[in-house]
């Protein structure tokens, strides 16, 4: 907090912690310091995406939940939401725990918004809890095709789909060669 009186230092800090420093946040950090700004951000309620998606449904009954709904909500929240640290942290998680509106979730903005809201709710928690919430989300079940995954059966030769388990091991955690031998 010793640098909180410097506009340049505050702008640098807010550039890292938000999607861009705004005058309100700059003034808050200058008056109260970094720690107070962070604690205030932790206390703010998450600005969610599902309400925007539900309020802006398409008139097309074949595509009521277009993928653009989440994109539009995300941009709006990234630029204007007061909970900038949460928005930024959830975005960072979305770059690791990836789902996409291309492929099986195309034109499923409701499910994508719910998934992103899960990241918003969990982003300040521990990674084990975040991974559990992601695993239980319908978006990940569809995107990495584990929804309805059957248990392996040696008598019928049925193999379980191990796609999601591989993604956890290779992409969502420490990777194949970073784990401790024990």
C-alpha atoms as a PDB file:
ATOM      1  CA  UNK A   1       0.000   0.000   0.000  1.00  0.00           C
ATOM      2  CA  UNK A   2       2.996   2.323   0.164  1.00  0.00           C
ATOM      3  CA  UNK A   3       2.573   2.995  -3.569  1.00  0.00           C
ATOM      4  CA  UNK A   4      -1.184   3.618  -3.481  1.00  0.00           C
ATOM      5  CA  UNK A   5      -0.675   7.381  -3.790  1.00  0.00           C
ATOM      6  CA  UNK A   6       1.038   6.990  -7.182  1.00  0.00           C
ATOM      7  CA  UNK A   7      -1.356   7.128 -10.130  1.00  0.00           C
ATOM      8  CA  UNK A   8       1.077   5.128 -12.278  1.00  0.00           C
ATOM      9  CA  UNK A   9       1.394   2.372  -9.661  1.00  0.00           C
ATOM     10  CA  UNK A  10      -2.362   2.300  -9.142  1.00  0.00           C
ATOM     11  CA  UNK A  11      -2.991   2.074 -12.880  1.00  0.00           C
ATOM     12  CA  UNK A  12      -0.493  -0.787 -13.146  1.00  0.00           C
ATOM     13  CA  UNK A  13      -2.123  -2.627 -10.236  1.00  0.00           C
ATOM     14  CA  UNK A  14      -5.641  -2.153 -11.605  1.00  0.00           C
ATOM     15  CA  UNK A  15      -4.537  -3.186 -15.097  1.00  0.00           C
ATOM     16  CA  UNK A  16      -3.456  -6.502 -13.603  1.00  0.00           C
ATOM     17  CA  UNK A  17      -6.495  -6.944 -11.348  1.00  0.00           C
ATOM     18  CA  UNK A  18      -9.273  -5.701 -13.664  1.00  0.00           C
ATOM     19  CA  UNK A  19     -10.065  -5.350 -17.334  1.00  0.00           C
ATOM     20  CA  UNK A  20      -8.793  -1.784 -17.167  1.00  0.00           C
ATOM     21  CA  UNK A  21      -8.523   0.907 -14.529  1.00  0.00           C
ATOM     22  CA  UNK A  22     -11.524   3.177 -14.261  1.00  0.00           C
ATOM     23  CA  UNK A  23     -11.719   6.511 -12.445  1.00  0.00           C
ATOM     24  CA  UNK A  24     -13.828   5.110  -9.577  1.00  0.00           C
ATOM     25  CA  UNK A  25     -11.364   2.294  -8.880  1.00  0.00           C
ATOM     26  CA  UNK A  26      -8.390   4.632  -9.266  1.00  0.00           C
ATOM     27  CA  UNK A  27      -9.886   7.008  -6.691  1.00  0.00           C
ATOM     28  CA  UNK A  28     -10.763   4.144  -4.334  1.00  0.00           C
ATOM     29  CA  UNK A  29      -7.243   2.694  -4.437  1.00  0.00           C
ATOM     30  CA  UNK A  30      -5.713   6.145  -3.984  1.00  0.00           C
ATOM     31  CA  UNK A  31      -7.892   6.855  -0.949  1.00  0.00           C
ATOM     32  CA  UNK A  32      -7.874   3.403   0.668  1.00  0.00           C
ATOM     33  CA  UNK A  33      -4.952   1.381  -0.678  1.00  0.00           C
ATOM     34  CA  UNK A  34      -4.561  -1.947  -2.464  1.00  0.00           C
ATOM     35  CA  UNK A  35      -5.568  -4.208   0.417  1.00  0.00           C
ATOM     36  CA  UNK A  36      -8.840  -2.337   1.040  1.00  0.00           C
ATOM     37  CA  UNK A  37      -9.666  -2.441  -2.681  1.00  0.00           C
ATOM     38  CA  UNK A  38      -9.075  -6.208  -2.799  1.00  0.00           C
ATOM     39  CA  UNK A  39     -11.111  -6.833   0.362  1.00  0.00           C
ATOM     40  CA  UNK A  40     -13.909  -4.698  -1.075  1.00  0.00           C
ATOM     41  CA  UNK A  41     -13.816  -6.720  -4.298  1.00  0.00           C
ATOM     42  CA  UNK A  42     -14.054  -9.987  -2.336  1.00  0.00           C
ATOM     43  CA  UNK A  43     -17.159  -8.653  -0.581  1.00  0.00           C
ATOM     44  CA  UNK A  44     -19.000  -7.680  -3.777  1.00  0.00           C
ATOM     45  CA  UNK A  45     -21.718  -9.925  -5.147  1.00  0.00           C
ATOM     46  CA  UNK A  46     -20.911 -11.598  -8.459  1.00  0.00           C
ATOM     47  CA  UNK A  47     -22.343  -9.958 -11.563  1.00  0.00           C
ATOM     48  CA  UNK A  48     -23.788 -12.984 -13.337  1.00  0.00           C
ATOM     49  CA  UNK A  49     -24.475 -13.780 -16.981  1.00  0.00           C
ATOM     50  CA  UNK A  50     -27.596 -15.978 -16.801  1.00  0.00           C
ATOM     51  CA  UNK A  51     -29.955 -13.058 -16.014  1.00  0.00           C
ATOM     52  CA  UNK A  52     -28.749 -11.225 -19.129  1.00  0.00           C
ATOM     53  CA  UNK A  53     -29.172 -14.352 -21.273  1.00  0.00           C
ATOM     54  CA  UNK A  54     -32.708 -14.958 -20.005  1.00  0.00           C
ATOM     55  CA  UNK A  55     -33.664 -11.316 -20.501  1.00  0.00           C
ATOM     56  CA  UNK A  56     -32.407 -11.228 -24.097  1.00  0.00           C
ATOM     57  CA  UNK A  57     -33.700 -14.448 -25.645  1.00  0.00           C
ATOM     58  CA  UNK A  58     -33.921 -14.624 -29.396  1.00  0.00           C
ATOM     59  CA  UNK A  59     -37.303 -14.644 -31.127  1.00  0.00           C
ATOM     60  CA  UNK A  60     -36.105 -17.630 -33.141  1.00  0.00           C
ATOM     61  CA  UNK A  61     -37.624 -20.727 -31.488  1.00  0.00           C
ATOM     62  CA  UNK A  62     -34.927 -22.880 -33.115  1.00  0.00           C
ATOM     63  CA  UNK A  63     -32.163 -20.817 -31.505  1.00  0.00           C
ATOM     64  CA  UNK A  64     -33.490 -19.025 -28.437  1.00  0.00           C
ATOM     65  CA  UNK A  65     -30.164 -19.252 -26.577  1.00  0.00           C
ATOM     66  CA  UNK A  66     -27.666 -18.174 -29.209  1.00  0.00           C
ATOM     67  CA  UNK A  67     -24.001 -18.262 -28.246  1.00  0.00           C
ATOM     68  CA  UNK A  68     -23.728 -14.498 -28.784  1.00  0.00           C
ATOM     69  CA  UNK A  69     -25.839 -13.965 -25.680  1.00  0.00           C
ATOM     70  CA  UNK A  70     -22.981 -15.049 -23.421  1.00  0.00           C
ATOM     71  CA  UNK A  71     -20.426 -13.106 -25.450  1.00  0.00           C
ATOM     72  CA  UNK A  72     -22.518  -9.930 -25.168  1.00  0.00           C
ATOM     73  CA  UNK A  73     -23.062 -10.430 -21.442  1.00  0.00           C
ATOM     74  CA  UNK A  74     -19.374 -11.170 -20.883  1.00  0.00           C
ATOM     75  CA  UNK A  75     -18.289  -7.970 -22.633  1.00  0.00           C
ATOM     76  CA  UNK A  76     -20.847  -5.908 -20.738  1.00  0.00           C
ATOM     77  CA  UNK A  77     -19.700  -7.331 -17.387  1.00  0.00           C
ATOM     78  CA  UNK A  78     -16.015  -7.074 -18.231  1.00  0.00           C
ATOM     79  CA  UNK A  79     -16.349  -3.393 -18.993  1.00  0.00           C
ATOM     80  CA  UNK A  80     -18.988  -2.211 -16.506  1.00  0.00           C
ATOM     81  CA  UNK A  81     -19.409  -4.660 -13.597  1.00  0.00           C
ATOM     82  CA  UNK A  82     -18.254  -3.402 -10.202  1.00  0.00           C
ATOM     83  CA  UNK A  83     -16.780  -6.813  -9.260  1.00  0.00           C
ATOM     84  CA  UNK A  84     -13.810  -6.438 -11.593  1.00  0.00           C
ATOM     85  CA  UNK A  85     -11.419  -8.685  -9.647  1.00  0.00           C
ATOM     86  CA  UNK A  86     -13.950 -11.532  -9.707  1.00  0.00           C
ATOM     87  CA  UNK A  87     -14.584 -10.989 -13.427  1.00  0.00           C
ATOM     88  CA  UNK A  88     -10.854 -11.066 -14.121  1.00  0.00           C
ATOM     89  CA  UNK A  89     -10.248 -14.169 -11.950  1.00  0.00           C
ATOM     90  CA  UNK A  90     -13.140 -16.047 -13.576  1.00  0.00           C
ATOM     91  CA  UNK A  91     -11.785 -15.136 -16.993  1.00  0.00           C
ATOM     92  CA  UNK A  92      -8.375 -16.534 -16.051  1.00  0.00           C
ATOM     93  CA  UNK A  93     -10.022 -19.784 -14.938  1.00  0.00           C
ATOM     94  CA  UNK A  94     -12.002 -19.935 -18.183  1.00  0.00           C
ATOM     95  CA  UNK A  95      -8.700 -19.916 -20.059  1.00  0.00           C
ATOM     96  CA  UNK A  96      -7.641 -23.070 -18.169  1.00  0.00           C
ATOM     97  CA  UNK A  97     -10.954 -24.895 -17.645  1.00  0.00           C
ATOM     98  CA  UNK A  98     -12.067 -24.406 -21.224  1.00  0.00           C
ATOM     99  CA  UNK A  99     -15.459 -24.951 -22.809  1.00  0.00           C
ATOM    100  CA  UNK A 100     -16.353 -23.457 -26.157  1.00  0.00           C
ATOM    101  CA  UNK A 101     -19.375 -22.220 -28.056  1.00  0.00           C
ATOM    102  CA  UNK A 102     -17.949 -24.037 -31.058  1.00  0.00           C
ATOM    103  CA  UNK A 103     -18.892 -27.700 -31.226  1.00  0.00           C
ATOM    104  CA  UNK A 104     -21.425 -29.413 -28.997  1.00  0.00           C
ATOM    105  CA  UNK A 105     -22.264 -26.211 -27.079  1.00  0.00           C
ATOM    106  CA  UNK A 106     -22.888 -24.117 -30.207  1.00  0.00           C
ATOM    107  CA  UNK A 107     -26.006 -21.986 -29.751  1.00  0.00           C
ATOM    108  CA  UNK A 108     -26.340 -23.016 -26.130  1.00  0.00           C
ATOM    109  CA  UNK A 109     -25.809 -19.649 -24.500  1.00  0.00           C
ATOM    110  CA  UNK A 110     -27.836 -20.605 -21.420  1.00  0.00           C
ATOM    111  CA  UNK A 111     -25.529 -23.515 -20.561  1.00  0.00           C
ATOM    112  CA  UNK A 112     -22.415 -21.480 -21.351  1.00  0.00           C
ATOM    113  CA  UNK A 113     -23.635 -18.614 -19.159  1.00  0.00           C
ATOM    114  CA  UNK A 114     -24.363 -21.017 -16.317  1.00  0.00           C
ATOM    115  CA  UNK A 115     -20.868 -22.472 -16.642  1.00  0.00           C
ATOM    116  CA  UNK A 116     -19.244 -19.050 -16.568  1.00  0.00           C
ATOM    117  CA  UNK A 117     -21.388 -18.089 -13.569  1.00  0.00           C
ATOM    118  CA  UNK A 118     -20.043 -21.202 -11.837  1.00  0.00           C
ATOM    119  CA  UNK A 119     -16.530 -19.853 -12.386  1.00  0.00           C
ATOM    120  CA  UNK A 120     -17.624 -16.471 -11.011  1.00  0.00           C
ATOM    121  CA  UNK A 121     -19.016 -18.136  -7.892  1.00  0.00           C
ATOM    122  CA  UNK A 122     -15.972 -20.345  -7.338  1.00  0.00           C
ATOM    123  CA  UNK A 123     -13.038 -18.213  -8.478  1.00  0.00           C
ATOM    124  CA  UNK A 124     -11.972 -17.088  -4.993  1.00  0.00           C
ATOM    125  CA  UNK A 125     -12.135 -20.619  -3.571  1.00  0.00           C
ATOM    126  CA  UNK A 126      -9.628 -23.437  -3.589  1.00  0.00           C
ATOM    127  CA  UNK A 127      -8.837 -25.260  -6.799  1.00  0.00           C
ATOM    128  CA  UNK A 128     -10.196 -28.615  -5.630  1.00  0.00           C
ATOM    129  CA  UNK A 129     -13.646 -27.075  -5.086  1.00  0.00           C
ATOM    130  CA  UNK A 130     -13.438 -25.237  -8.413  1.00  0.00           C
ATOM    131  CA  UNK A 131     -12.579 -28.467 -10.216  1.00  0.00           C
ATOM    132  CA  UNK A 132     -15.487 -30.248  -8.517  1.00  0.00           C
ATOM    133  CA  UNK A 133     -17.937 -27.536  -9.614  1.00  0.00           C
ATOM    134  CA  UNK A 134     -16.578 -27.651 -13.161  1.00  0.00           C
ATOM    135  CA  UNK A 135     -16.823 -31.442 -13.208  1.00  0.00           C
ATOM    136  CA  UNK A 136     -20.466 -31.318 -12.120  1.00  0.00           C
ATOM    137  CA  UNK A 137     -21.437 -28.627 -14.627  1.00  0.00           C
ATOM    138  CA  UNK A 138     -23.610 -29.630 -17.551  1.00  0.00           C
ATOM    139  CA  UNK A 139     -21.438 -27.589 -19.922  1.00  0.00           C
ATOM    140  CA  UNK A 140     -18.342 -29.643 -19.182  1.00  0.00           C
ATOM    141  CA  UNK A 141     -20.378 -32.847 -19.355  1.00  0.00           C
ATOM    142  CA  UNK A 142     -21.456 -31.978 -22.873  1.00  0.00           C
ATOM    143  CA  UNK A 143     -18.240 -30.331 -24.049  1.00  0.00           C
ATOM    144  CA  UNK A 144     -15.898 -33.146 -23.007  1.00  0.00           C
ATOM    145  CA  UNK A 145     -18.545 -35.805 -23.715  1.00  0.00           C
ATOM    146  CA  UNK A 146     -18.654 -37.369 -20.252  1.00  0.00           C
ATOM    147  CA  UNK A 147     -22.389 -36.873 -19.742  1.00  0.00           C
ATOM    148  CA  UNK A 148     -24.009 -40.272 -19.320  1.00  0.00           C
ATOM    149  CA  UNK A 149     -20.637 -41.983 -19.314  1.00  0.00           C
ATOM    150  CA  UNK A 150     -21.049 -45.687 -18.590  1.00  0.00           C
ATOM    151  CA  UNK A 151     -18.873 -47.671 -16.237  1.00  0.00           C
ATOM    152  CA  UNK A 152     -16.493 -50.081 -17.949  1.00  0.00           C
ATOM    153  CA  UNK A 153     -17.626 -53.694 -18.196  1.00  0.00           C
ATOM    154  CA  UNK A 154     -15.107 -56.440 -18.914  1.00  0.00           C
ATOM    155  CA  UNK A 155     -17.821 -58.967 -19.812  1.00  0.00           C
ATOM    156  CA  UNK A 156     -19.286 -56.815 -22.581  1.00  0.00           C
ATOM    157  CA  UNK A 157     -16.021 -55.120 -23.540  1.00  0.00           C
ATOM    158  CA  UNK A 158     -17.439 -51.666 -22.769  1.00  0.00           C
ATOM    159  CA  UNK A 159     -14.728 -49.082 -22.143  1.00  0.00           C
ATOM    160  CA  UNK A 160     -15.572 -45.933 -20.185  1.00  0.00           C
ATOM    161  CA  UNK A 161     -14.982 -42.612 -21.872  1.00  0.00           C
ATOM    162  CA  UNK A 162     -11.765 -41.336 -20.290  1.00  0.00           C
ATOM    163  CA  UNK A 163     -11.631 -38.041 -22.177  1.00  0.00           C
ATOM    164  CA  UNK A 164     -12.495 -35.840 -19.180  1.00  0.00           C
ATOM    165  CA  UNK A 165     -10.146 -37.703 -16.824  1.00  0.00           C
ATOM    166  CA  UNK A 166      -7.315 -37.186 -19.318  1.00  0.00           C
ATOM    167  CA  UNK A 167      -8.115 -33.462 -19.575  1.00  0.00           C
ATOM    168  CA  UNK A 168      -7.974 -33.136 -15.775  1.00  0.00           C
ATOM    169  CA  UNK A 169      -4.611 -34.857 -15.699  1.00  0.00           C
ATOM    170  CA  UNK A 170      -3.044 -33.142 -18.701  1.00  0.00           C
ATOM    171  CA  UNK A 171      -4.594 -29.678 -18.818  1.00  0.00           C
ATOM    172  CA  UNK A 172      -6.520 -28.794 -15.653  1.00  0.00           C
ATOM    173  CA  UNK A 173      -3.886 -29.788 -13.114  1.00  0.00           C
ATOM    174  CA  UNK A 174      -0.135 -30.206 -12.830  1.00  0.00           C
ATOM    175  CA  UNK A 175       0.228 -32.306 -15.964  1.00  0.00           C
ATOM    176  CA  UNK A 176       1.783 -35.682 -16.575  1.00  0.00           C
ATOM    177  CA  UNK A 177       5.309 -34.943 -15.418  1.00  0.00           C
ATOM    178  CA  UNK A 178       4.859 -32.432 -12.584  1.00  0.00           C
ATOM    179  CA  UNK A 179       3.224 -34.647  -9.956  1.00  0.00           C
ATOM    180  CA  UNK A 180       5.206 -35.984  -7.031  1.00  0.00           C
ATOM    181  CA  UNK A 181       6.192 -39.671  -7.260  1.00  0.00           C
ATOM    182  CA  UNK A 182       4.209 -40.476  -4.103  1.00  0.00           C
END
